[in-house]
C-alpha atoms as a PDB file:
ATOM      1  CA  PRO A   1      98.935-198.191 -96.119  1.00  0.00           C
ATOM      2  CA  SER A   2     102.091-196.949 -96.762  1.00  0.00           C
ATOM      3  CA  LEU A   3     103.391-194.319 -99.693  1.00  0.00           C
ATOM      4  CA  ARG A   4     107.253-193.648-101.066  1.00  0.00           C
ATOM      5  CA  LEU A   5     108.219-190.513-102.684  1.00  0.00           C
ATOM      6  CA  GLY A   6     111.553-189.944-103.930  1.00  0.00           C
ATOM      7  CA  SER A   7     113.995-187.767-106.282  1.00  0.00           C
ATOM      8  CA  ALA A   8     117.125-188.172-107.767  1.00  0.00           C
ATOM      9  CA  TYR A   9     119.290-185.378-109.863  1.00  0.00           C
ATOM     10  CA  ARG A  10     122.878-186.298-111.770  1.00  0.00           C
ATOM     11  CA  PHE A  11     125.475-183.966-112.023  1.00  0.00           C
ATOM     12  CA  ASP A  12     127.820-184.558-114.607  1.00  0.00           C
ATOM     13  CA  LEU A  13     131.460-183.746-113.104  1.00  0.00           C
ATOM     14  CA  SER A  14     133.021-183.350-116.459  1.00  0.00           C
ATOM     15  CA  ALA A  15     132.417-181.746-119.799  1.00  0.00           C
ATOM     16  CA  ASP A  16     131.993-185.490-121.836  1.00  0.00           C
ATOM     17  CA  ALA A  17     129.815-186.733-119.109  1.00  0.00           C
ATOM     18  CA  GLN A  18     132.178-189.939-118.513  1.00  0.00           C
ATOM     19  CA  HIS A  19     131.980-188.558-114.465  1.00  0.00           C
ATOM     20  CA  THR A  20     128.748-188.432-112.799  1.00  0.00           C
ATOM     21  CA  LEU A  21     127.414-188.169-109.484  1.00  0.00           C
ATOM     22  CA  LEU A  22     123.902-189.031-108.588  1.00  0.00           C
ATOM     23  CA  ALA A  23     122.165-187.870-105.499  1.00  0.00           C
ATOM     24  CA  THR A  24     119.070-189.582-104.545  1.00  0.00           C
ATOM     25  CA  ALA A  25     116.575-189.183-101.421  1.00  0.00           C
ATOM     26  CA  ASP A  26     113.528-190.656-100.834  1.00  0.00           C
ATOM     27  CA  ALA A  27     110.746-191.012 -97.544  1.00  0.00           C
ATOM     28  CA  ASP A  28     108.660-193.478 -96.574  1.00  0.00           C
ATOM     29  CA  LEU A  29     105.413-192.282 -95.362  1.00  0.00           C
ATOM     30  CA  TRP A  30     103.395-194.871 -93.150  1.00  0.00           C
ATOM     31  CA  PHE A  31      99.414-193.946 -91.898  1.00  0.00           C
ATOM     32  CA  ASP A  32      99.261-197.171 -89.882  1.00  0.00           C
ATOM     33  CA  GLY A  33     100.545-195.720 -86.443  1.00  0.00           C
ATOM     34  CA  ARG A  34     104.589-197.216 -86.948  1.00  0.00           C
ATOM     35  CA  ASP A  35     105.992-194.317 -85.070  1.00  0.00           C
ATOM     36  CA  HIS A  36     108.280-196.921 -83.270  1.00  0.00           C
ATOM     37  CA  ALA A  37     110.108-198.073 -86.241  1.00  0.00           C
ATOM     38  CA  ALA A  38     110.167-194.241 -87.934  1.00  0.00           C
ATOM     39  CA  GLN A  39     112.685-191.113 -87.784  1.00  0.00           C
ATOM     40  CA  LEU A  40     109.947-188.765 -88.059  1.00  0.00           C
ATOM     41  CA  ARG A  41     106.419-188.526 -86.493  1.00  0.00           C
ATOM     42  CA  ALA A  42     103.090-186.293 -86.883  1.00  0.00           C
ATOM     43  CA  GLY A  43     100.516-187.240 -84.320  1.00  0.00           C
ATOM     44  CA  SER A  44      99.673-191.118 -83.625  1.00  0.00           C
ATOM     45  CA  ALA A  45      98.893-191.863 -87.294  1.00  0.00           C
ATOM     46  CA  LEU A  46     101.992-190.808 -89.455  1.00  0.00           C
ATOM     47  CA  ALA A  47     105.378-191.386 -89.338  1.00  0.00           C
ATOM     48  CA  ALA A  48     108.379-191.143 -92.068  1.00  0.00           C
ATOM     49  CA  SER A  49     111.709-192.420 -92.768  1.00  0.00           C
ATOM     50  CA  LEU A  50     114.012-190.779 -95.020  1.00  0.00           C
ATOM     51  CA  HIS A  51     116.848-192.541 -96.799  1.00  0.00           C
ATOM     52  CA  GLU A  52     119.814-190.541 -98.917  1.00  0.00           C
ATOM     53  CA  GLY A  53     122.750-191.475-101.422  1.00  0.00           C
ATOM     54  CA  ILE A  54     125.379-190.860-103.927  1.00  0.00           C
ATOM     55  CA  GLU A  55     126.693-192.706-106.675  1.00  0.00           C
ATOM     56  CA  TYR A  56     129.693-191.835-108.583  1.00  0.00           C
ATOM     57  CA  ARG A  57     129.962-193.061-111.975  1.00  0.00           C
ATOM     58  CA  TYR A  58     133.010-193.628-114.404  1.00  0.00           C
ATOM     59  CA  ARG A  59     131.967-193.959-117.909  1.00  0.00           C
ATOM     60  CA  SER A  60     129.379-196.120-117.678  1.00  0.00           C
ATOM     61  CA  LEU A  61     131.577-198.913-116.436  1.00  0.00           C
ATOM     62  CA  VAL A  62     132.355-198.318-112.617  1.00  0.00           C
ATOM     63  CA  ALA A  63     129.892-196.976-109.786  1.00  0.00           C
ATOM     64  CA  VAL A  64     131.035-196.511-106.368  1.00  0.00           C
ATOM     65  CA  ARG A  65     127.668-196.106-103.802  1.00  0.00           C
ATOM     66  CA  ILE A  66     127.100-194.754-100.210  1.00  0.00           C
ATOM     67  CA  GLY A  67     123.990-194.252 -98.407  1.00  0.00           C
ATOM     68  CA  TYR A  68     122.458-193.677 -94.953  1.00  0.00           C
ATOM     69  CA  ALA A  69     118.978-195.162 -93.956  1.00  0.00           C
ATOM     70  CA  GLU A  70     116.987-194.935 -90.722  1.00  0.00           C
ATOM     71  CA  ARG A  71     118.130-195.769 -87.266  1.00  0.00           C
ATOM     72  CA  SER A  72     121.984-195.227 -88.310  1.00  0.00           C
ATOM     73  CA  MET A  73     122.248-197.785 -90.894  1.00  0.00           C
ATOM     74  CA  TRP A  74     124.898-197.219 -93.501  1.00  0.00           C
ATOM     75  CA  SER A  75     125.337-198.997 -97.155  1.00  0.00           C
ATOM     76  CA  ALA A  76     127.977-198.835 -99.555  1.00  0.00           C
ATOM     77  CA  GLY A  77     128.469-200.440-103.151  1.00  0.00           C
ATOM     78  CA  LEU A  78     130.047-201.244-106.017  1.00  0.00           C
ATOM     79  CA  GLY A  79     128.827-201.652-109.633  1.00  0.00           C
ATOM     80  CA  LEU A  80     130.479-202.884-112.571  1.00  0.00           C
ATOM     81  CA  ILE A  81     129.208-202.985-116.520  1.00  0.00           C
ATOM     82  CA  LEU A  82     130.541-205.136-118.471  1.00  0.00           C
ATOM     83  CA  GLY A  83     128.852-204.663-121.776  1.00  0.00           C
ATOM     84  CA  ARG A  84     125.571-206.400-121.063  1.00  0.00           C
ATOM     85  CA  LEU A  85     126.509-208.047-117.622  1.00  0.00           C
ATOM     86  CA  ARG A  86     125.657-205.884-114.492  1.00  0.00           C
ATOM     87  CA  LEU A  87     127.505-206.812-111.550  1.00  0.00           C
ATOM     88  CA  ASP A  88     126.828-205.520-107.864  1.00  0.00           C
ATOM     89  CA  TYR A  89     128.154-205.882-104.805  1.00  0.00           C
ATOM     90  CA  ALA A  90     126.097-204.186-101.916  1.00  0.00           C
ATOM     91  CA  TYR A  91     127.335-203.613 -97.762  1.00  0.00           C
ATOM     92  CA  ARG A  92     124.254-202.526 -95.398  1.00  0.00           C
ATOM     93  CA  SER A  93     124.896-202.410 -91.752  1.00  0.00           C
ATOM     94  CA  PHE A  94     121.954-202.794 -89.322  1.00  0.00           C
ATOM     95  CA  ASP A  95     121.636-201.271 -86.004  1.00  0.00           C
ATOM     96  CA  ALA A  96     121.141-204.000 -82.567  1.00  0.00           C
ATOM     97  CA  VAL A  97     117.304-204.149 -82.839  1.00  0.00           C
ATOM     98  CA  ASP A  98     117.769-206.200 -85.915  1.00  0.00           C
ATOM     99  CA  GLN A  99     119.999-208.405 -85.038  1.00  0.00           C
ATOM    100  CA  LEU A 100     121.229-209.149 -88.270  1.00  0.00           C
ATOM    101  CA  GLY A 101     124.769-207.632 -87.840  1.00  0.00           C
ATOM    102  CA  ALA A 102     126.071-206.705 -91.800  1.00  0.00           C
ATOM    103  CA  THR A 103     125.063-208.156 -94.325  1.00  0.00           C
ATOM    104  CA  HIS A 104     126.798-208.259 -97.790  1.00  0.00           C
ATOM    105  CA  ARG A 105     124.921-208.809-101.310  1.00  0.00           C
ATOM    106  CA  LEU A 106     126.032-209.891-104.729  1.00  0.00           C
ATOM    107  CA  THR A 107     123.782-209.594-107.840  1.00  0.00           C
ATOM    108  CA  ALA A 108     124.210-210.434-111.442  1.00  0.00           C
ATOM    109  CA  GLY A 109     122.068-209.025-114.141  1.00  0.00           C
ATOM    110  CA  PHE A 110     122.044-209.491-118.309  1.00  0.00           C
ATOM    111  CA  VAL A 111     120.658-206.750-120.235  1.00  0.00           C
ATOM    112  CA  LEU A 112     118.321-207.539-122.877  1.00  0.00           C
ATOM    113  CA  GLU A 113     118.163-204.207-124.695  1.00  0.00           C
ATOM    114  CA  GLN A 114     119.051-203.943-127.901  1.00  0.00           C
ATOM    115  CA  PRO A 115     120.198-200.423-129.871  1.00  0.00           C
ATOM    116  CA  LYS A 116     117.238-201.283-132.301  1.00  0.00           C
ATOM    117  CA  TRP A 117     114.639-201.299-129.795  1.00  0.00           C
ATOM    118  CA  LYS A 118     115.410-198.099-128.340  1.00  0.00           C
ATOM    119  CA  ARG A 119     113.145-194.970-128.942  1.00  0.00           C
ATOM    120  CA  LYS A 120     114.140-192.391-131.680  1.00  0.00           C
ATOM    121  CA  THR A 121     114.952-188.767-130.208  1.00  0.00           C
ATOM    122  CA  GLU A 122     115.270-185.998-132.364  1.00  0.00           C
END
């Protein structure tokens, strides 16, 4: 069994919120003695790995991301928002144990949400 806990906080870097910074952190907790694959261990049953990241976003058009995961694995990415179309590129390094080297991911998404479906806030 495992549990993932995380948190994020957005900083508005400009008064008009066109420049934002999102800081994130989360932890994977394992309760099955997975100490060989974790950063932190407590006894023989509990192990944890930490993940941290930052995203800079400009006007909800472009996002630049960088992150760090367990065992010295870095990630970086770029996201573009073009109307309803979302394009994301991600690079992730893996250590020699994984034998993957570096991976590149490209994803595309289409937002179906309509303004008329949004909740009205007062």
